[in-house]
Amino acid sequence: MEPATLITIFLSCFLVGVTGYALYTAFGQPSKELRDPFEEHED
């Protein structure tokens, strides 16, 4: 395979992985540990 193809595949997998991790952190199990600054400072 050409180096450009391998780099493209690697970058694509990396971006999909980062996006998946961000979605898991935002909506998965770890989201229960996230703090909400708006709820902390209700007036």
C-alpha atoms as a PDB file:
ATOM      1  CA  MET A   1       0.000   0.000   0.000  1.00  0.00           C
ATOM      2  CA  GLU A   2       1.055   3.551  -0.545  1.00  0.00           C
ATOM      3  CA  PRO A   3       2.014   5.656   2.455  1.00  0.00           C
ATOM      4  CA  ALA A   4      -0.723   8.192   1.678  1.00  0.00           C
ATOM      5  CA  THR A   5      -3.360   5.456   1.912  1.00  0.00           C
ATOM      6  CA  LEU A   6      -2.042   4.244   5.264  1.00  0.00           C
ATOM      7  CA  ILE A   7      -1.935   7.783   6.646  1.00  0.00           C
ATOM      8  CA  THR A   8      -5.502   8.412   5.469  1.00  0.00           C
ATOM      9  CA  ILE A   9      -6.736   5.188   7.080  1.00  0.00           C
ATOM     10  CA  PHE A  10      -4.895   5.970  10.330  1.00  0.00           C
ATOM     11  CA  LEU A  11      -6.270   9.521  10.531  1.00  0.00           C
ATOM     12  CA  SER A  12      -9.794   8.322   9.759  1.00  0.00           C
ATOM     13  CA  CYS A  13      -9.648   5.679  12.495  1.00  0.00           C
ATOM     14  CA  PHE A  14      -8.167   8.201  14.918  1.00  0.00           C
ATOM     15  CA  LEU A  15     -10.944  10.729  14.275  1.00  0.00           C
ATOM     16  CA  VAL A  16     -13.650   8.075  14.611  1.00  0.00           C
ATOM     17  CA  GLY A  17     -12.068   6.915  17.873  1.00  0.00           C
ATOM     18  CA  VAL A  18     -11.862  10.426  19.326  1.00  0.00           C
ATOM     19  CA  THR A  19     -15.461  11.131  18.303  1.00  0.00           C
ATOM     20  CA  GLY A  20     -16.639   7.858  19.834  1.00  0.00           C
ATOM     21  CA  TYR A  21     -14.801   8.566  23.083  1.00  0.00           C
ATOM     22  CA  ALA A  22     -16.257  12.087  23.241  1.00  0.00           C
ATOM     23  CA  LEU A  23     -19.783  10.754  22.728  1.00  0.00           C
ATOM     24  CA  TYR A  24     -19.223   8.048  25.352  1.00  0.00           C
ATOM     25  CA  THR A  25     -17.944  10.624  27.830  1.00  0.00           C
ATOM     26  CA  ALA A  26     -20.841  12.993  27.119  1.00  0.00           C
ATOM     27  CA  PHE A  27     -23.702  10.487  27.105  1.00  0.00           C
ATOM     28  CA  GLY A  28     -22.356   7.208  28.553  1.00  0.00           C
ATOM     29  CA  GLN A  29     -21.574   6.088  32.096  1.00  0.00           C
ATOM     30  CA  PRO A  30     -18.942   8.808  32.807  1.00  0.00           C
ATOM     31  CA  SER A  31     -21.537  11.521  32.127  1.00  0.00           C
ATOM     32  CA  LYS A  32     -22.984  10.965  35.613  1.00  0.00           C
ATOM     33  CA  GLU A  33     -19.727  12.301  37.100  1.00  0.00           C
ATOM     34  CA  LEU A  34     -19.752  15.516  35.056  1.00  0.00           C
ATOM     35  CA  ARG A  35     -20.754  18.603  36.990  1.00  0.00           C
ATOM     36  CA  ASP A  36     -23.321  21.100  35.742  1.00  0.00           C
ATOM     37  CA  PRO A  37     -22.302  24.675  36.568  1.00  0.00           C
ATOM     38  CA  PHE A  38     -25.834  25.940  35.912  1.00  0.00           C
ATOM     39  CA  GLU A  39     -27.309  23.650  38.584  1.00  0.00           C
ATOM     40  CA  GLU A  40     -24.597  24.624  41.074  1.00  0.00           C
ATOM     41  CA  HIS A  41     -25.399  28.337  40.835  1.00  0.00           C
ATOM     42  CA  GLU A  42     -29.179  28.471  40.748  1.00  0.00           C
ATOM     43  CA  ASP A  43     -30.488  31.792  42.009  1.00  0.00           C
END
